[in-house]
């Protein structure tokens, strides 16, 4: 299993990522778009043509820092207040999107049910990688950012469970209501348990030192250990990492992490998030150039239509359920939630992890890349003007966080 990019290639990719960050800021182009285009260009150079882009690399190396860094910024009080909205979108909404997409691919694209359901499961959840990157670039804060980021983090757990159920079904094992309930319990409860356990270990150890470097080391252990341990025992690694990040971000500042360490930890994880985002999006571009799309264009168009429809049927009806409560989501926020439902590396990781005997496997992978490309280029390029039109941007989205007006 090749999980490590050679050091020389990694250093060059990081240098390129820094240059792309400068250029996209000056050209006022979304950073993610610039990175994918750069990846496509790099694919023509032999040194980068074989850069690995596997499910294991995305899941085990890149995803933990992105989830942990996002969770560090979420406050308990705000999350608890919005939890009914977030969980409605992340559970009922994901299932609706899954079903709508699967129906479209079965009846219009002519895919067998098993392939259509697999695709619906892997593409249903919005990707925290794409969403968080886009909102950071746009300097969106307040309730809207919390709803979009938290939903994208939580609904990944739902999609992962759905994908796990499909893997079991594809293996020929009989599924029952009790069996599905057991999978849910193990995934959710196990993720929370492992995340809380690793965060507890971190806080216990961090309380014994005031050295920021040691505290950073402990947070790195908590993020990766919670994720990998949960996945090892068939629980949700993302939910475990999310739990660990929430605990550390909310309890750590109360005394376990030193005042000096807090700033160092925040800066460290912000940098790791930048590195992970950069390598994922460049990897998408490099791998995109390897795909054969000739026989997948019609299914891809159908997929884009039904994925978009599924997202609409996720956001608007779910928000309508809460329209008469104090949790009412404003209509313009609903529009942003709808158009901000981007897909990215997570969907591709699940697609690359499809069992080899799934019907239309190669086509599903190619179609997944097209849908992700649509998210990055169409939704990504129009997201900033869309946010401005919705009145959600009071500052230049390309300024640094220190220059932004925080809401």
Protein backbone atom coordinates (compact mmCIF):
# COMPACT_ATOMS: atom_id res chain seq x y z
CA UNK A 1 0.00 0.00 0.00
CA UNK A 2 1.62 3.25 -1.13
CA UNK A 3 0.61 5.97 1.32
CA UNK A 4 3.68 8.17 1.28
CA UNK A 5 4.54 10.54 -1.54
CA UNK A 6 8.27 10.69 -2.13
CA UNK A 7 9.85 13.58 -0.24
CA UNK A 8 11.17 15.33 -3.34
CA UNK A 9 7.74 15.31 -4.99
CA UNK A 10 6.08 16.45 -1.78
CA UNK A 11 8.41 19.42 -1.43
CA UNK A 12 7.83 20.47 -5.04
CA UNK A 13 4.04 20.12 -4.62
CA UNK A 14 4.12 22.29 -1.49
CA UNK A 15 6.15 24.94 -3.31
CA UNK A 16 3.67 24.86 -6.20
CA UNK A 17 0.74 25.09 -3.76
CA UNK A 18 2.24 28.25 -2.26
CA UNK A 19 2.72 29.83 -5.69
CA UNK A 20 -0.85 28.88 -6.70
CA UNK A 21 -2.15 30.48 -3.48
CA UNK A 22 -0.45 33.76 -4.42
CA UNK A 23 -1.66 33.66 -8.04
CA UNK A 24 -5.27 32.75 -7.25
CA UNK A 25 -5.47 35.53 -4.67
CA UNK A 26 -4.24 38.08 -7.20
CA UNK A 27 -6.45 36.72 -9.99
CA UNK A 28 -9.41 36.41 -7.61
CA UNK A 29 -9.97 32.78 -8.53
CA UNK A 30 -11.00 30.18 -5.90
CA UNK A 31 -7.90 28.45 -4.57
CA UNK A 32 -9.42 24.99 -5.06
CA UNK A 33 -10.05 25.68 -8.75
CA UNK A 34 -6.47 26.84 -9.23
CA UNK A 35 -5.14 23.74 -7.53
CA UNK A 36 -7.18 21.33 -9.65
CA UNK A 37 -6.12 23.10 -12.85
CA UNK A 38 -2.53 22.94 -11.62
CA UNK A 39 -2.91 19.21 -10.96
CA UNK A 40 -4.14 18.66 -14.51
CA UNK A 41 -1.08 20.49 -15.87
CA UNK A 42 1.27 18.57 -13.56
CA UNK A 43 -0.11 15.25 -14.82
CA UNK A 44 1.73 15.83 -18.11
CA UNK A 45 5.08 15.74 -16.31
CA UNK A 46 6.43 12.21 -15.68
CA UNK A 47 7.56 13.03 -12.13
CA UNK A 48 3.94 13.72 -11.12
CA UNK A 49 2.05 11.35 -13.42
CA UNK A 50 2.20 8.49 -10.91
CA UNK A 51 1.57 10.45 -7.72
CA UNK A 52 -0.69 8.13 -5.67
CA UNK A 53 -4.32 9.13 -5.15
CA UNK A 54 -5.95 6.31 -3.24
CA UNK A 55 -8.77 5.87 -0.77
CA UNK A 56 -6.25 5.09 1.97
CA UNK A 57 -4.24 8.25 1.28
CA UNK A 58 -7.31 10.51 1.37
CA UNK A 59 -8.94 8.84 4.37
CA UNK A 60 -6.00 8.03 6.57
CA UNK A 61 -3.65 10.93 5.84
CA UNK A 62 -5.58 13.96 4.56
CA UNK A 63 -9.03 13.72 6.10
CA UNK A 64 -8.15 13.64 9.85
CA UNK A 65 -6.40 17.05 9.92
CA UNK A 66 -9.19 18.68 7.93
CA UNK A 67 -11.92 17.35 10.20
CA UNK A 68 -9.98 17.98 13.42
CA UNK A 69 -9.02 21.53 12.45
CA UNK A 70 -12.63 22.39 11.57
CA UNK A 71 -13.95 20.85 14.79
CA UNK A 72 -11.47 22.87 16.88
CA UNK A 73 -13.26 26.05 15.78
CA UNK A 74 -16.80 24.91 16.69
CA UNK A 75 -18.14 26.00 20.06
CA UNK A 76 -20.35 23.71 22.13
CA UNK A 77 -22.99 26.35 22.79
CA UNK A 78 -23.41 27.25 19.13
CA UNK A 79 -23.38 23.63 17.99
CA UNK A 80 -25.93 22.56 20.60
CA UNK A 81 -28.28 25.39 19.62
CA UNK A 82 -28.17 24.42 15.93
CA UNK A 83 -27.95 20.65 16.40
CA UNK A 84 -31.58 19.88 15.38
CA UNK A 85 -31.07 21.67 12.05
CA UNK A 86 -27.69 20.05 11.46
CA UNK A 87 -28.82 16.52 12.32
CA UNK A 88 -31.99 16.84 10.21
CA UNK A 89 -29.89 17.75 7.19
CA UNK A 90 -27.20 15.17 8.01
CA UNK A 91 -29.59 12.22 8.45
CA UNK A 92 -32.96 12.64 6.73
CA UNK A 93 -31.39 14.89 4.12
CA UNK A 94 -28.59 12.48 3.22
CA UNK A 95 -31.03 9.58 2.93
CA UNK A 96 -33.30 11.63 0.64
CA UNK A 97 -30.36 12.63 -1.54
CA UNK A 98 -29.14 9.03 -1.64
CA UNK A 99 -32.53 7.75 -2.74
CA UNK A 100 -33.16 10.45 -5.36
CA UNK A 101 -29.75 9.95 -6.96
CA UNK A 102 -30.06 6.15 -6.96
CA UNK A 103 -33.51 6.32 -8.59
CA UNK A 104 -32.21 8.61 -11.32
CA UNK A 105 -29.18 6.46 -12.10
CA UNK A 106 -31.26 3.27 -12.18
CA UNK A 107 -34.16 4.47 -14.32
CA UNK A 108 -32.48 7.03 -16.57
CA UNK A 109 -28.88 5.82 -16.78
CA UNK A 110 -29.90 2.15 -16.81
CA UNK A 111 -27.56 1.11 -13.99
CA UNK A 112 -28.31 -1.97 -11.95
CA UNK A 113 -29.75 -1.22 -8.52
CA UNK A 114 -26.59 -2.20 -6.64
CA UNK A 115 -24.42 0.19 -8.66
CA UNK A 116 -26.99 3.00 -8.47
CA UNK A 117 -27.31 2.63 -4.70
CA UNK A 118 -23.54 2.58 -4.23
CA UNK A 119 -23.20 5.77 -6.25
CA UNK A 120 -26.07 7.43 -4.39
CA UNK A 121 -24.44 6.61 -1.06
CA UNK A 122 -20.95 7.86 -1.92
CA UNK A 123 -22.12 11.09 -3.55
CA UNK A 124 -24.92 11.96 -1.08
CA UNK A 125 -22.88 13.76 1.56
CA UNK A 126 -21.38 17.18 1.06
CA UNK A 127 -17.63 17.05 1.46
CA UNK A 128 -16.06 18.87 4.42
CA UNK A 129 -12.86 19.29 2.41
CA UNK A 130 -14.58 21.26 -0.36
CA UNK A 131 -17.05 23.14 1.82
CA UNK A 132 -14.58 24.24 4.48
CA UNK A 133 -12.04 25.37 1.86
CA UNK A 134 -14.65 27.44 0.02
CA UNK A 135 -16.01 29.15 3.12
CA UNK A 136 -12.55 29.94 4.46
CA UNK A 137 -11.69 31.60 1.18
CA UNK A 138 -14.93 33.60 1.30
CA UNK A 139 -14.42 34.57 4.98
CA UNK A 140 -17.95 33.50 5.88
CA UNK A 141 -18.64 33.36 9.62
CA UNK A 142 -21.57 33.22 11.98
CA UNK A 143 -24.58 30.90 11.81
CA UNK A 144 -24.37 30.20 8.08
CA UNK A 145 -20.79 28.94 8.24
CA UNK A 146 -21.59 26.84 11.30
CA UNK A 147 -24.56 25.21 9.54
CA UNK A 148 -22.63 24.46 6.35
CA UNK A 149 -19.46 23.21 8.02
CA UNK A 150 -21.13 21.21 10.78
CA UNK A 151 -23.58 19.59 8.39
CA UNK A 152 -20.78 18.63 6.03
CA UNK A 153 -18.86 17.07 8.92
CA UNK A 154 -21.81 15.17 10.40
CA UNK A 155 -23.37 14.00 7.15
CA UNK A 156 -20.13 12.28 6.20
CA UNK A 157 -20.82 9.83 9.01
CA UNK A 158 -24.27 9.11 7.58
CA UNK A 159 -22.86 8.58 4.09
CA UNK A 160 -20.12 6.31 5.43
CA UNK A 161 -22.70 4.17 7.23
CA UNK A 162 -24.82 4.01 4.06
CA UNK A 163 -21.76 3.00 2.06
CA UNK A 164 -20.89 0.35 4.66
CA UNK A 165 -24.41 -1.07 4.43
CA UNK A 166 -24.03 -1.27 0.65
CA UNK A 167 -20.69 -3.09 1.00
CA UNK A 168 -22.37 -5.70 3.23
CA UNK A 169 -25.30 -6.02 0.82
CA UNK A 170 -22.95 -6.43 -2.14
CA UNK A 171 -21.11 -9.23 -0.34
CA UNK A 172 -24.29 -11.28 -0.31
CA UNK A 173 -24.89 -11.05 3.44
CA UNK A 174 -28.50 -10.78 4.51
CA UNK A 175 -29.50 -7.44 5.97
CA UNK A 176 -32.27 -6.93 8.51
CA UNK A 177 -33.59 -3.96 10.45
CA UNK A 178 -31.69 -5.14 13.51
CA UNK A 179 -28.54 -5.60 11.43
CA UNK A 180 -28.75 -2.06 10.06
CA UNK A 181 -29.41 -0.75 13.58
CA UNK A 182 -26.31 -2.56 14.81
CA UNK A 183 -24.19 -1.00 12.07
CA UNK A 184 -25.54 2.42 13.01
CA UNK A 185 -24.88 1.88 16.71
CA UNK A 186 -21.34 0.64 16.17
CA UNK A 187 -20.51 3.45 13.76
CA UNK A 188 -21.97 6.32 15.77
CA UNK A 189 -21.40 5.16 19.35
CA UNK A 190 -17.97 3.78 18.50
CA UNK A 191 -16.93 7.00 16.80
CA UNK A 192 -17.99 9.12 19.77
CA UNK A 193 -16.36 6.70 22.22
CA UNK A 194 -12.99 6.55 20.47
CA UNK A 195 -12.96 10.29 19.85
CA UNK A 196 -13.77 11.07 23.47
CA UNK A 197 -11.21 8.54 24.69
CA UNK A 198 -8.37 9.95 22.61
CA UNK A 199 -9.29 13.52 23.53
CA UNK A 200 -9.31 12.55 27.21
CA UNK A 201 -5.84 11.02 26.92
CA UNK A 202 -4.59 14.16 25.18
CA UNK A 203 -6.02 16.52 27.80
CA UNK A 204 -4.63 14.39 30.64
CA UNK A 205 -1.15 14.45 29.13
CA UNK A 206 -1.29 18.09 28.03
CA UNK A 207 -2.12 19.13 31.58
CA UNK A 208 1.34 17.93 32.64
CA UNK A 209 3.26 20.35 30.42
CA UNK A 210 3.29 23.94 29.19
CA UNK A 211 5.55 23.24 26.23
CA UNK A 212 3.63 24.21 23.03
CA UNK A 213 5.60 21.73 20.92
CA UNK A 214 4.61 18.86 23.20
CA UNK A 215 0.98 20.03 23.21
CA UNK A 216 1.00 20.12 19.40
CA UNK A 217 2.37 16.57 19.40
CA UNK A 218 -0.45 15.41 21.67
CA UNK A 219 -3.12 16.99 19.46
CA UNK A 220 -1.62 15.26 16.41
CA UNK A 221 -1.84 11.96 18.24
CA UNK A 222 -5.46 12.60 19.25
CA UNK A 223 -6.58 13.48 15.72
CA UNK A 224 -4.98 10.56 13.92
CA UNK A 225 -5.35 7.97 16.69
CA UNK A 226 -9.07 8.64 17.12
CA UNK A 227 -9.65 8.38 13.37
CA UNK A 228 -7.55 5.26 12.75
CA UNK A 229 -8.70 3.45 15.88
CA UNK A 230 -12.35 4.01 15.05
CA UNK A 231 -11.87 2.81 11.47
CA UNK A 232 -9.99 -0.23 12.75
CA UNK A 233 -13.06 -1.26 14.76
CA UNK A 234 -15.54 -0.45 11.97
CA UNK A 235 -16.75 2.78 13.54
CA UNK A 236 -16.91 6.23 11.98
CA UNK A 237 -13.42 7.68 11.83
CA UNK A 238 -14.75 11.10 10.86
CA UNK A 239 -17.16 11.14 13.82
CA UNK A 240 -14.33 10.06 16.14
CA UNK A 241 -12.02 12.79 14.84
CA UNK A 242 -14.87 15.31 15.01
CA UNK A 243 -15.58 14.36 18.63
CA UNK A 244 -11.91 14.63 19.57
CA UNK A 245 -11.66 18.05 17.93
CA UNK A 246 -14.79 19.32 19.67
CA UNK A 247 -13.58 18.15 23.08
CA UNK A 248 -10.09 19.58 22.64
CA UNK A 249 -11.37 22.85 21.19
CA UNK A 250 -13.87 23.42 23.98
CA UNK A 251 -12.25 21.86 27.05
CA UNK A 252 -8.58 22.34 26.23
CA UNK A 253 -8.63 26.15 26.61
CA UNK A 254 -10.12 25.75 30.11
CA UNK A 255 -6.74 24.76 31.48
CA UNK A 256 -5.40 21.56 29.93
CA UNK A 257 -3.66 23.45 27.11
CA UNK A 258 -1.43 26.35 28.16
CA UNK A 259 -2.10 29.94 26.99
CA UNK A 260 1.05 29.81 24.83
CA UNK A 261 0.03 26.45 23.45
CA UNK A 262 -3.40 27.58 22.26
CA UNK A 263 -2.07 29.94 19.63
CA UNK A 264 0.60 27.46 18.56
CA UNK A 265 -1.93 24.61 18.27
CA UNK A 266 -4.35 26.77 16.25
CA UNK A 267 -1.61 27.90 13.84
CA UNK A 268 -0.28 24.35 13.46
CA UNK A 269 -3.67 22.89 12.56
CA UNK A 270 -4.45 25.75 10.21
CA UNK A 271 -1.23 24.96 8.36
CA UNK A 272 -1.95 21.21 8.27
CA UNK A 273 -5.38 22.00 6.85
CA UNK A 274 -3.76 24.12 4.15
CA UNK A 275 -1.34 21.33 3.24
CA UNK A 276 -4.06 18.65 3.18
CA UNK A 277 -6.38 20.81 1.08
CA UNK A 278 -3.61 21.64 -1.37
CA UNK A 279 -2.53 18.04 -1.88
CA UNK A 280 -6.10 16.74 -2.20
CA UNK A 281 -7.13 19.26 -4.85
CA UNK A 282 -3.91 18.86 -6.83
CA UNK A 283 -4.37 15.09 -6.54
CA UNK A 284 -7.88 15.42 -7.95
CA UNK A 285 -6.47 17.29 -10.94
CA UNK A 286 -3.69 14.75 -11.53
CA UNK A 287 -6.06 11.79 -11.24
CA UNK A 288 -8.74 13.53 -13.30
CA UNK A 289 -6.46 13.55 -16.33
CA UNK A 290 -6.12 9.75 -16.10
CA UNK A 291 -9.85 9.08 -16.42
CA UNK A 292 -11.62 7.85 -19.55
CA UNK A 293 -14.85 9.82 -19.91
CA UNK A 294 -15.97 8.80 -23.40
CA UNK A 295 -18.56 6.28 -22.21
CA UNK A 296 -19.52 8.16 -19.07
CA UNK A 297 -20.71 11.53 -20.37
CA UNK A 298 -24.44 10.74 -20.55
CA UNK A 299 -24.52 9.04 -17.11
CA UNK A 300 -22.48 11.98 -15.79
CA UNK A 301 -25.01 14.54 -17.02
CA UNK A 302 -27.83 12.49 -15.47
CA UNK A 303 -25.83 12.22 -12.24
CA UNK A 304 -25.26 15.98 -12.02
CA UNK A 305 -28.97 16.65 -12.53
CA UNK A 306 -30.09 14.17 -9.89
CA UNK A 307 -27.37 15.02 -7.38
CA UNK A 308 -28.44 18.66 -7.68
CA UNK A 309 -32.12 17.70 -7.40
CA UNK A 310 -31.34 15.51 -4.40
CA UNK A 311 -29.58 18.40 -2.70
CA UNK A 312 -32.58 20.68 -3.31
CA UNK A 313 -34.94 18.07 -1.87
CA UNK A 314 -32.60 17.80 1.11
CA UNK A 315 -32.33 21.48 2.00
CA UNK A 316 -35.70 23.06 1.30
CA UNK A 317 -38.09 20.42 2.75
CA UNK A 318 -35.85 19.82 5.78
CA UNK A 319 -35.68 23.54 6.50
CA UNK A 320 -39.43 23.83 5.92
CA UNK A 321 -39.93 21.33 8.76
CA UNK A 322 -38.35 23.86 11.12
CA UNK A 323 -39.87 26.99 9.61
CA UNK A 324 -42.29 27.61 12.50
CA UNK A 325 -39.69 27.19 15.22
CA UNK A 326 -36.93 29.36 16.64
CA UNK A 327 -34.55 27.31 14.46
CA UNK A 328 -36.03 28.70 11.25
CA UNK A 329 -33.40 29.00 8.51
CA UNK A 330 -33.69 32.14 6.44
CA UNK A 331 -34.46 31.60 2.77
CA UNK A 332 -31.19 33.10 1.56
CA UNK A 333 -29.29 30.77 3.90
CA UNK A 334 -31.23 27.86 2.44
CA UNK A 335 -30.10 28.91 -1.04
CA UNK A 336 -26.48 28.97 0.13
CA UNK A 337 -26.87 25.57 1.79
CA UNK A 338 -28.25 24.23 -1.49
CA UNK A 339 -25.60 25.65 -3.81
CA UNK A 340 -22.86 25.15 -1.23
CA UNK A 341 -23.42 21.40 -1.17
CA UNK A 342 -20.10 20.72 -2.88
CA UNK A 343 -18.59 17.29 -3.44
CA UNK A 344 -14.88 16.54 -3.39
CA UNK A 345 -12.19 14.16 -2.26
CA UNK A 346 -14.44 12.23 0.11
CA UNK A 347 -16.73 11.05 -2.69
CA UNK A 348 -13.71 10.08 -4.78
CA UNK A 349 -12.19 8.14 -1.89
CA UNK A 350 -15.39 6.12 -1.49
CA UNK A 351 -15.59 5.60 -5.26
CA UNK A 352 -12.00 4.36 -5.39
CA UNK A 353 -12.86 2.00 -2.53
CA UNK A 354 -15.75 0.34 -4.35
CA UNK A 355 -15.68 -3.48 -4.30
CA UNK A 356 -14.22 -4.81 -7.53
CA UNK A 357 -17.35 -6.78 -8.43
CA UNK A 358 -19.77 -3.83 -8.28
CA UNK A 359 -21.51 -3.39 -11.67
CA UNK A 360 -20.39 -0.30 -13.62
CA UNK A 361 -17.50 0.22 -11.19
CA UNK A 362 -15.23 2.00 -13.67
CA UNK A 363 -18.10 4.14 -14.91
CA UNK A 364 -19.09 5.03 -11.35
CA UNK A 365 -15.55 6.22 -10.66
CA UNK A 366 -15.49 8.31 -13.84
CA UNK A 367 -18.94 9.77 -13.17
CA UNK A 368 -17.87 10.59 -9.60
CA UNK A 369 -14.94 12.57 -10.99
CA UNK A 370 -17.26 14.47 -13.33
CA UNK A 371 -19.66 15.34 -10.50
CA UNK A 372 -16.76 16.48 -8.31
CA UNK A 373 -15.37 18.52 -11.21
CA UNK A 374 -18.78 20.16 -11.64
CA UNK A 375 -18.74 21.02 -7.92
CA UNK A 376 -15.26 22.50 -8.07
CA UNK A 377 -15.49 24.42 -11.33
CA UNK A 378 -19.16 25.39 -11.64
CA UNK A 379 -20.26 25.68 -8.02
CA UNK A 380 -16.81 26.68 -6.83
CA UNK A 381 -16.37 29.48 -9.37
CA UNK A 382 -19.88 30.82 -8.82
CA UNK A 383 -19.92 30.48 -5.03
CA UNK A 384 -18.32 33.82 -4.23
CA UNK A 385 -20.61 35.85 -6.56
CA UNK A 386 -23.54 33.83 -5.24
CA UNK A 387 -22.65 34.63 -1.63
CA UNK A 388 -22.25 38.28 -2.52
CA UNK A 389 -25.64 38.31 -4.21
CA UNK A 390 -27.17 36.69 -1.15
CA UNK A 391 -25.73 39.51 0.95
CA UNK A 392 -23.46 37.20 2.93
CA UNK A 393 -20.19 38.94 2.14
CA UNK A 394 -19.36 42.28 3.68
CA UNK A 395 -15.65 42.14 2.80
CA UNK A 396 -13.30 41.10 0.06
CA UNK A 397 -13.28 37.28 0.26
CA UNK A 398 -9.60 37.19 -0.61
CA UNK A 399 -8.44 39.16 2.40
CA UNK A 400 -6.78 37.40 5.28
CA UNK A 401 -8.85 36.38 8.29
CA UNK A 402 -7.34 39.23 10.25
CA UNK A 403 -8.71 41.74 7.76
CA UNK A 404 -12.19 40.26 7.59
CA UNK A 405 -15.21 41.53 9.41
CA UNK A 406 -16.35 38.62 11.53
CA UNK A 407 -20.06 38.08 12.06
